[in-house]
Amino acid sequence: MDMAGNAVTFKTVDIDGTSDQDKTINSITVVRGLAAGTSLTAKYTMTDVVDANADTDALELKLSVSF
């Protein structure tokens, strides 16, 4: 989906294992084209596990430059 010149993708995955192994993963990715063929990709991933101590959040930033 394009939003204000940004390509935006949202993904969600539910993994139903045994009662102590359920997991939900949500990920949002935004790609923005910049000047002179460069682009910026920002990806945020949240993992929700039954055990709250095992939950994780991750942010990845990537700057791509082409010549």
C-alpha atoms as a PDB file:
ATOM      1  CA  MET A   1       0.000   0.000   0.000  1.00  0.00           C
ATOM      2  CA  ASP A   2       1.339   3.436  -0.861  1.00  0.00           C
ATOM      3  CA  MET A   3       0.952   6.148   1.746  1.00  0.00           C
ATOM      4  CA  ALA A   4       2.277   9.671   1.118  1.00  0.00           C
ATOM      5  CA  GLY A   5       4.959   8.401  -1.278  1.00  0.00           C
ATOM      6  CA  ASN A   6       6.009   5.531   1.005  1.00  0.00           C
ATOM      7  CA  ALA A   7       5.505   1.831   0.246  1.00  0.00           C
ATOM      8  CA  VAL A   8       4.006   0.358   3.431  1.00  0.00           C
ATOM      9  CA  THR A   9       3.630  -3.355   4.198  1.00  0.00           C
ATOM     10  CA  PHE A  10       2.088  -4.904   7.309  1.00  0.00           C
ATOM     11  CA  LYS A  11       2.345  -8.613   8.080  1.00  0.00           C
ATOM     12  CA  THR A  12       1.014 -10.595  10.997  1.00  0.00           C
ATOM     13  CA  VAL A  13       1.586 -14.264  11.797  1.00  0.00           C
ATOM     14  CA  ASP A  14      -0.060 -16.320  14.541  1.00  0.00           C
ATOM     15  CA  ILE A  15       1.679 -19.556  15.494  1.00  0.00           C
ATOM     16  CA  ASP A  16      -0.541 -21.862  17.514  1.00  0.00           C
ATOM     17  CA  GLY A  17       1.612 -24.466  19.186  1.00  0.00           C
ATOM     18  CA  THR A  18       1.056 -26.075  22.525  1.00  0.00           C
ATOM     19  CA  SER A  19      -0.293 -23.759  25.208  1.00  0.00           C
ATOM     20  CA  ASP A  20       3.193 -22.603  26.217  1.00  0.00           C
ATOM     21  CA  GLN A  21       4.458 -22.096  22.642  1.00  0.00           C
ATOM     22  CA  ASP A  22       1.873 -19.718  21.114  1.00  0.00           C
ATOM     23  CA  LYS A  23       3.477 -16.771  19.352  1.00  0.00           C
ATOM     24  CA  THR A  24       2.298 -13.697  17.424  1.00  0.00           C
ATOM     25  CA  ILE A  25       4.619 -11.791  15.108  1.00  0.00           C
ATOM     26  CA  ASN A  26       3.685  -8.360  13.731  1.00  0.00           C
ATOM     27  CA  SER A  27       5.912  -6.580  11.231  1.00  0.00           C
ATOM     28  CA  ILE A  28       5.564  -3.227   9.492  1.00  0.00           C
ATOM     29  CA  THR A  29       7.930  -2.180   6.705  1.00  0.00           C
ATOM     30  CA  VAL A  30       8.159   1.284   5.165  1.00  0.00           C
ATOM     31  CA  VAL A  31      10.248   1.972   2.053  1.00  0.00           C
ATOM     32  CA  ARG A  32      10.887   5.569   1.007  1.00  0.00           C
ATOM     33  CA  GLY A  33      12.607   6.567  -2.213  1.00  0.00           C
ATOM     34  CA  LEU A  34      15.116   9.378  -1.720  1.00  0.00           C
ATOM     35  CA  ALA A  35      17.099  11.539  -4.137  1.00  0.00           C
ATOM     36  CA  ALA A  36      19.601  10.193  -6.673  1.00  0.00           C
ATOM     37  CA  GLY A  37      18.413   6.556  -6.562  1.00  0.00           C
ATOM     38  CA  THR A  38      18.791   6.011  -2.833  1.00  0.00           C
ATOM     39  CA  SER A  39      16.110   4.480  -0.662  1.00  0.00           C
ATOM     40  CA  LEU A  40      15.485   4.092   3.040  1.00  0.00           C
ATOM     41  CA  THR A  41      13.848   0.975   4.469  1.00  0.00           C
ATOM     42  CA  ALA A  42      12.566   0.918   8.042  1.00  0.00           C
ATOM     43  CA  LYS A  43      11.267  -2.354   9.491  1.00  0.00           C
ATOM     44  CA  TYR A  44       9.755  -2.798  12.961  1.00  0.00           C
ATOM     45  CA  THR A  45       9.019  -6.307  14.223  1.00  0.00           C
ATOM     46  CA  MET A  46       7.214  -7.166  17.449  1.00  0.00           C
ATOM     47  CA  THR A  47       7.139 -10.752  18.695  1.00  0.00           C
ATOM     48  CA  ASP A  48       4.599 -11.583  21.404  1.00  0.00           C
ATOM     49  CA  VAL A  49       5.148 -14.881  23.182  1.00  0.00           C
ATOM     50  CA  VAL A  50       2.990 -16.429  25.913  1.00  0.00           C
ATOM     51  CA  ASP A  51       5.854 -15.837  28.363  1.00  0.00           C
ATOM     52  CA  ALA A  52       5.979 -12.025  28.610  1.00  0.00           C
ATOM     53  CA  ASN A  53       9.683 -12.173  29.461  1.00  0.00           C
ATOM     54  CA  ALA A  54      10.409 -13.586  25.995  1.00  0.00           C
ATOM     55  CA  ASP A  55       8.677 -10.786  24.020  1.00  0.00           C
ATOM     56  CA  THR A  56      10.964  -8.930  21.615  1.00  0.00           C
ATOM     57  CA  ASP A  57      10.933  -5.694  19.629  1.00  0.00           C
ATOM     58  CA  ALA A  58      13.337  -5.047  16.760  1.00  0.00           C
ATOM     59  CA  LEU A  59      13.967  -2.043  14.521  1.00  0.00           C
ATOM     60  CA  GLU A  60      16.022  -2.361  11.345  1.00  0.00           C
ATOM     61  CA  LEU A  61      17.066   0.646   9.242  1.00  0.00           C
ATOM     62  CA  LYS A  62      18.652   0.181   5.831  1.00  0.00           C
ATOM     63  CA  LEU A  63      19.959   2.873   3.490  1.00  0.00           C
ATOM     64  CA  SER A  64      20.449   1.625  -0.070  1.00  0.00           C
ATOM     65  CA  VAL A  65      22.555   3.603  -2.530  1.00  0.00           C
ATOM     66  CA  SER A  66      22.879   2.745  -6.217  1.00  0.00           C
ATOM     67  CA  PHE A  67      25.308   4.206  -8.716  1.00  0.00           C
END
